[in-house]
């Protein structure tokens, strides 16, 4: 059975006279363990917990951003499948906009840094092809909704 995790692709829109996709930045957190990879906030599903509740809990724990800070974007969910230390893992990501682009991110001890990055930089930081494609899919979804 695959290990299951859930999280959010969190984005914010920078102030701009003309709203555009160029004003969007994505939140990535740098782990404080292993190879210090960059990832959106996510974490393991607790027994009896539903997936969306996990995503909200983990985003609050890892980045200090609660449900009151986020606006979940309808119609977007991505499921990733990969192996970690030889064991299957699946991750579900929803897309959520930060309601107040100026709100501070507060990291847990699981992470040592965070960055708001435009799509190209976010993909470069993400390193893993499936996560890069998830970020691009989120961007396309926002483009289609504009």
Protein backbone atom coordinates (compact mmCIF):
# COMPACT_ATOMS: atom_id res chain seq x y z
CA UNK A 1 0.00 0.00 0.00
CA UNK A 2 1.33 3.41 -0.97
CA UNK A 3 2.16 6.06 1.59
CA UNK A 4 -0.31 8.91 1.05
CA UNK A 5 0.35 12.63 1.45
CA UNK A 6 -1.67 15.73 0.63
CA UNK A 7 -0.91 19.41 0.25
CA UNK A 8 -1.47 22.64 -1.60
CA UNK A 9 0.15 24.44 -4.48
CA UNK A 10 -0.12 27.84 -2.78
CA UNK A 11 0.13 30.96 -4.93
CA UNK A 12 -0.22 34.69 -4.52
CA UNK A 13 -0.87 37.49 -6.96
CA UNK A 14 1.41 40.49 -6.75
CA UNK A 15 -0.16 43.91 -6.98
CA UNK A 16 -0.45 44.95 -10.60
CA UNK A 17 -2.50 47.47 -12.52
CA UNK A 18 -3.36 44.79 -15.05
CA UNK A 19 -3.88 41.31 -13.55
CA UNK A 20 -1.83 38.77 -15.44
CA UNK A 21 -0.20 35.38 -15.03
CA UNK A 22 3.14 37.20 -14.72
CA UNK A 23 2.00 38.52 -11.34
CA UNK A 24 1.64 34.98 -9.88
CA UNK A 25 4.20 33.50 -7.49
CA UNK A 26 4.20 29.99 -6.03
CA UNK A 27 5.28 29.04 -2.52
CA UNK A 28 8.02 26.46 -2.16
CA UNK A 29 9.55 25.25 1.10
CA UNK A 30 13.09 23.91 1.42
CA UNK A 31 13.38 20.85 3.61
CA UNK A 32 15.77 20.91 6.57
CA UNK A 33 16.62 17.22 6.04
CA UNK A 34 18.04 15.02 3.30
CA UNK A 35 19.03 16.82 0.10
CA UNK A 36 17.18 20.00 1.16
CA UNK A 37 14.79 19.74 -1.79
CA UNK A 38 12.07 22.31 -2.48
CA UNK A 39 8.42 21.33 -2.32
CA UNK A 40 4.98 22.83 -1.73
CA UNK A 41 3.57 22.27 1.76
CA UNK A 42 2.37 18.68 2.12
CA UNK A 43 2.34 15.81 4.57
CA UNK A 44 1.13 12.37 5.47
CA UNK A 45 -2.52 11.57 6.02
CA UNK A 46 -3.29 10.73 9.65
CA UNK A 47 -5.53 7.72 10.40
CA UNK A 48 -9.19 8.68 9.97
CA UNK A 49 -8.34 12.01 8.34
CA UNK A 50 -9.68 12.95 4.91
CA UNK A 51 -7.33 14.21 2.21
CA UNK A 52 -8.39 17.86 2.11
CA UNK A 53 -8.21 18.10 5.93
CA UNK A 54 -4.66 16.72 5.71
CA UNK A 55 -3.70 19.32 3.10
CA UNK A 56 -5.06 22.13 5.29
CA UNK A 57 -3.43 20.79 8.47
CA UNK A 58 -0.05 20.29 6.84
CA UNK A 59 -0.08 23.74 5.21
CA UNK A 60 -0.81 25.27 8.63
CA UNK A 61 1.91 23.19 10.34
CA UNK A 62 4.60 23.70 7.70
CA UNK A 63 3.95 27.26 6.51
CA UNK A 64 1.71 28.82 9.17
CA UNK A 65 -1.06 29.36 6.60
CA UNK A 66 -4.50 28.24 7.73
CA UNK A 67 -7.81 27.69 5.99
CA UNK A 68 -8.70 31.33 6.74
CA UNK A 69 -5.65 32.44 4.71
CA UNK A 70 -6.39 30.32 1.64
CA UNK A 71 -8.98 30.32 -1.14
CA UNK A 72 -9.12 26.86 -2.71
CA UNK A 73 -9.39 27.04 -6.51
CA UNK A 74 -12.20 24.89 -7.89
CA UNK A 75 -11.50 22.18 -10.42
CA UNK A 76 -7.81 21.52 -9.76
CA UNK A 77 -6.32 18.43 -8.18
CA UNK A 78 -3.16 16.63 -9.22
CA UNK A 79 -2.08 13.17 -8.10
CA UNK A 80 1.61 12.24 -8.20
CA UNK A 81 3.04 8.73 -7.84
CA UNK A 82 6.69 8.02 -7.09
CA UNK A 83 8.98 5.99 -4.84
CA UNK A 84 10.72 7.12 -1.66
CA UNK A 85 13.39 4.79 -0.33
CA UNK A 86 11.98 1.98 -2.47
CA UNK A 87 8.39 2.40 -1.22
CA UNK A 88 5.47 3.74 -3.30
CA UNK A 89 4.13 7.16 -2.41
CA UNK A 90 1.17 9.12 -3.74
CA UNK A 91 0.65 12.83 -3.22
CA UNK A 92 -2.48 14.84 -3.93
CA UNK A 93 -2.16 18.57 -4.50
CA UNK A 94 -4.96 21.11 -4.55
CA UNK A 95 -4.47 24.69 -5.70
CA UNK A 96 -5.04 27.57 -3.28
CA UNK A 97 -4.62 31.33 -3.53
CA UNK A 98 -3.31 33.29 -0.58
CA UNK A 99 -6.07 35.74 0.35
CA UNK A 100 -3.59 38.38 1.56
CA UNK A 101 -0.39 38.36 -0.55
CA UNK A 102 1.51 40.13 2.25
CA UNK A 103 0.83 37.56 4.98
CA UNK A 104 3.98 36.10 6.52
CA UNK A 105 4.99 32.47 6.09
CA UNK A 106 6.03 30.79 9.35
CA UNK A 107 8.17 27.68 8.86
CA UNK A 108 8.15 24.57 11.03
CA UNK A 109 11.40 22.84 11.95
CA UNK A 110 10.85 20.52 8.95
CA UNK A 111 11.93 23.37 6.65
CA UNK A 112 14.85 25.76 6.63
CA UNK A 113 13.78 28.26 3.99
CA UNK A 114 10.91 29.29 1.74
CA UNK A 115 10.61 31.20 -1.47
CA UNK A 116 7.88 32.84 -3.50
CA UNK A 117 8.81 32.16 -7.13
CA UNK A 118 7.36 32.77 -10.55
CA UNK A 119 6.66 29.65 -12.61
CA UNK A 120 10.07 29.23 -14.28
CA UNK A 121 12.00 29.70 -11.03
CA UNK A 122 9.57 27.45 -9.14
CA UNK A 123 10.10 24.70 -11.71
CA UNK A 124 13.88 25.11 -11.50
CA UNK A 125 13.74 24.85 -7.71
CA UNK A 126 11.36 21.89 -7.79
CA UNK A 127 13.85 19.71 -9.73
CA UNK A 128 11.50 16.70 -10.02
CA UNK A 129 9.77 16.39 -13.38
CA UNK A 130 6.37 15.38 -11.96
CA UNK A 131 6.34 18.33 -9.55
CA UNK A 132 7.40 20.68 -12.36
CA UNK A 133 4.51 19.40 -14.46
CA UNK A 134 2.13 19.87 -11.52
CA UNK A 135 3.22 23.51 -11.20
CA UNK A 136 2.76 24.02 -14.95
CA UNK A 137 -0.67 22.36 -14.81
CA UNK A 138 -1.67 24.72 -11.98
CA UNK A 139 -0.50 27.69 -14.05
CA UNK A 140 -2.47 26.47 -17.09
CA UNK A 141 -5.54 26.01 -14.89
CA UNK A 142 -5.26 29.62 -13.70
CA UNK A 143 -4.75 30.76 -17.29
CA UNK A 144 -7.89 28.92 -18.40
CA UNK A 145 -9.91 30.55 -15.59
CA UNK A 146 -8.77 34.09 -16.54
